[in-house]
Amino acid sequence: MAGRGSAVDAVIVAMAEPGGAVLTGDINDIAALAAYARNVSVFGI
């Protein structure tokens, strides 16, 4: 649905769900996927 990111990005977001956080250098793709997740925060490093 997001049309961005890789399978690895999707797994990372899924592991953070619900209510977790992801620290990433690829903030655009991860944030696009996290928009469809339950309460996942994305922070750039």
C-alpha atoms as a PDB file:
ATOM      1  CA  MET A   1       0.000   0.000   0.000  1.00  0.00           C
ATOM      2  CA  ALA A   2       2.787   2.434   0.802  1.00  0.00           C
ATOM      3  CA  GLY A   3       4.517   1.659  -2.475  1.00  0.00           C
ATOM      4  CA  ARG A   4       7.917   2.188  -0.873  1.00  0.00           C
ATOM      5  CA  GLY A   5      10.583   0.323   1.000  1.00  0.00           C
ATOM      6  CA  SER A   6      11.759  -3.255   0.885  1.00  0.00           C
ATOM      7  CA  ALA A   7      10.649  -6.465   2.518  1.00  0.00           C
ATOM      8  CA  VAL A   8      13.269  -5.849   5.218  1.00  0.00           C
ATOM      9  CA  ASP A   9      11.801  -2.388   5.908  1.00  0.00           C
ATOM     10  CA  ALA A  10       8.346  -3.947   6.248  1.00  0.00           C
ATOM     11  CA  VAL A  11       9.626  -6.565   8.722  1.00  0.00           C
ATOM     12  CA  ILE A  12      11.313  -3.863  10.810  1.00  0.00           C
ATOM     13  CA  VAL A  13       8.088  -1.856  11.013  1.00  0.00           C
ATOM     14  CA  ALA A  14       6.059  -4.993  11.797  1.00  0.00           C
ATOM     15  CA  MET A  15       8.438  -5.896  14.637  1.00  0.00           C
ATOM     16  CA  ALA A  16       7.955  -2.425  16.147  1.00  0.00           C
ATOM     17  CA  GLU A  17       4.174  -2.698  16.049  1.00  0.00           C
ATOM     18  CA  PRO A  18       2.251  -1.826  18.223  1.00  0.00           C
ATOM     19  CA  GLY A  19       3.626   1.118  20.103  1.00  0.00           C
ATOM     20  CA  GLY A  20       7.315   0.728  19.262  1.00  0.00           C
ATOM     21  CA  ALA A  21       9.930   2.904  17.655  1.00  0.00           C
ATOM     22  CA  VAL A  22      12.300   2.503  14.717  1.00  0.00           C
ATOM     23  CA  LEU A  23      15.668   4.272  14.508  1.00  0.00           C
ATOM     24  CA  THR A  24      16.765   4.491  10.880  1.00  0.00           C
ATOM     25  CA  GLY A  25      18.879   6.274   8.330  1.00  0.00           C
ATOM     26  CA  ASP A  26      16.169   5.538   5.723  1.00  0.00           C
ATOM     27  CA  ILE A  27      13.465   7.659   7.302  1.00  0.00           C
ATOM     28  CA  ASN A  28      11.371   8.272   4.163  1.00  0.00           C
ATOM     29  CA  ASP A  29      10.718   4.627   3.288  1.00  0.00           C
ATOM     30  CA  ILE A  30      10.264   3.498   6.892  1.00  0.00           C
ATOM     31  CA  ALA A  31       7.904   6.397   7.680  1.00  0.00           C
ATOM     32  CA  ALA A  32       5.812   5.588   4.593  1.00  0.00           C
ATOM     33  CA  LEU A  33       5.386   2.017   5.822  1.00  0.00           C
ATOM     34  CA  ALA A  34       4.845   3.054   9.440  1.00  0.00           C
ATOM     35  CA  ALA A  35       1.910   5.221   8.339  1.00  0.00           C
ATOM     36  CA  TYR A  36      -0.012   1.941   7.888  1.00  0.00           C
ATOM     37  CA  ALA A  37       1.161   0.418  11.184  1.00  0.00           C
ATOM     38  CA  ARG A  38      -0.346   0.751  14.655  1.00  0.00           C
ATOM     39  CA  ASN A  39       1.371   3.444  16.694  1.00  0.00           C
ATOM     40  CA  VAL A  40       4.926   3.070  15.337  1.00  0.00           C
ATOM     41  CA  SER A  41       7.257   6.063  15.742  1.00  0.00           C
ATOM     42  CA  VAL A  42      10.122   6.641  13.305  1.00  0.00           C
ATOM     43  CA  PHE A  43      13.272   8.562  14.236  1.00  0.00           C
ATOM     44  CA  GLY A  44      16.205   9.406  11.984  1.00  0.00           C
ATOM     45  CA  ILE A  45      19.791   8.856  13.049  1.00  0.00           C
END
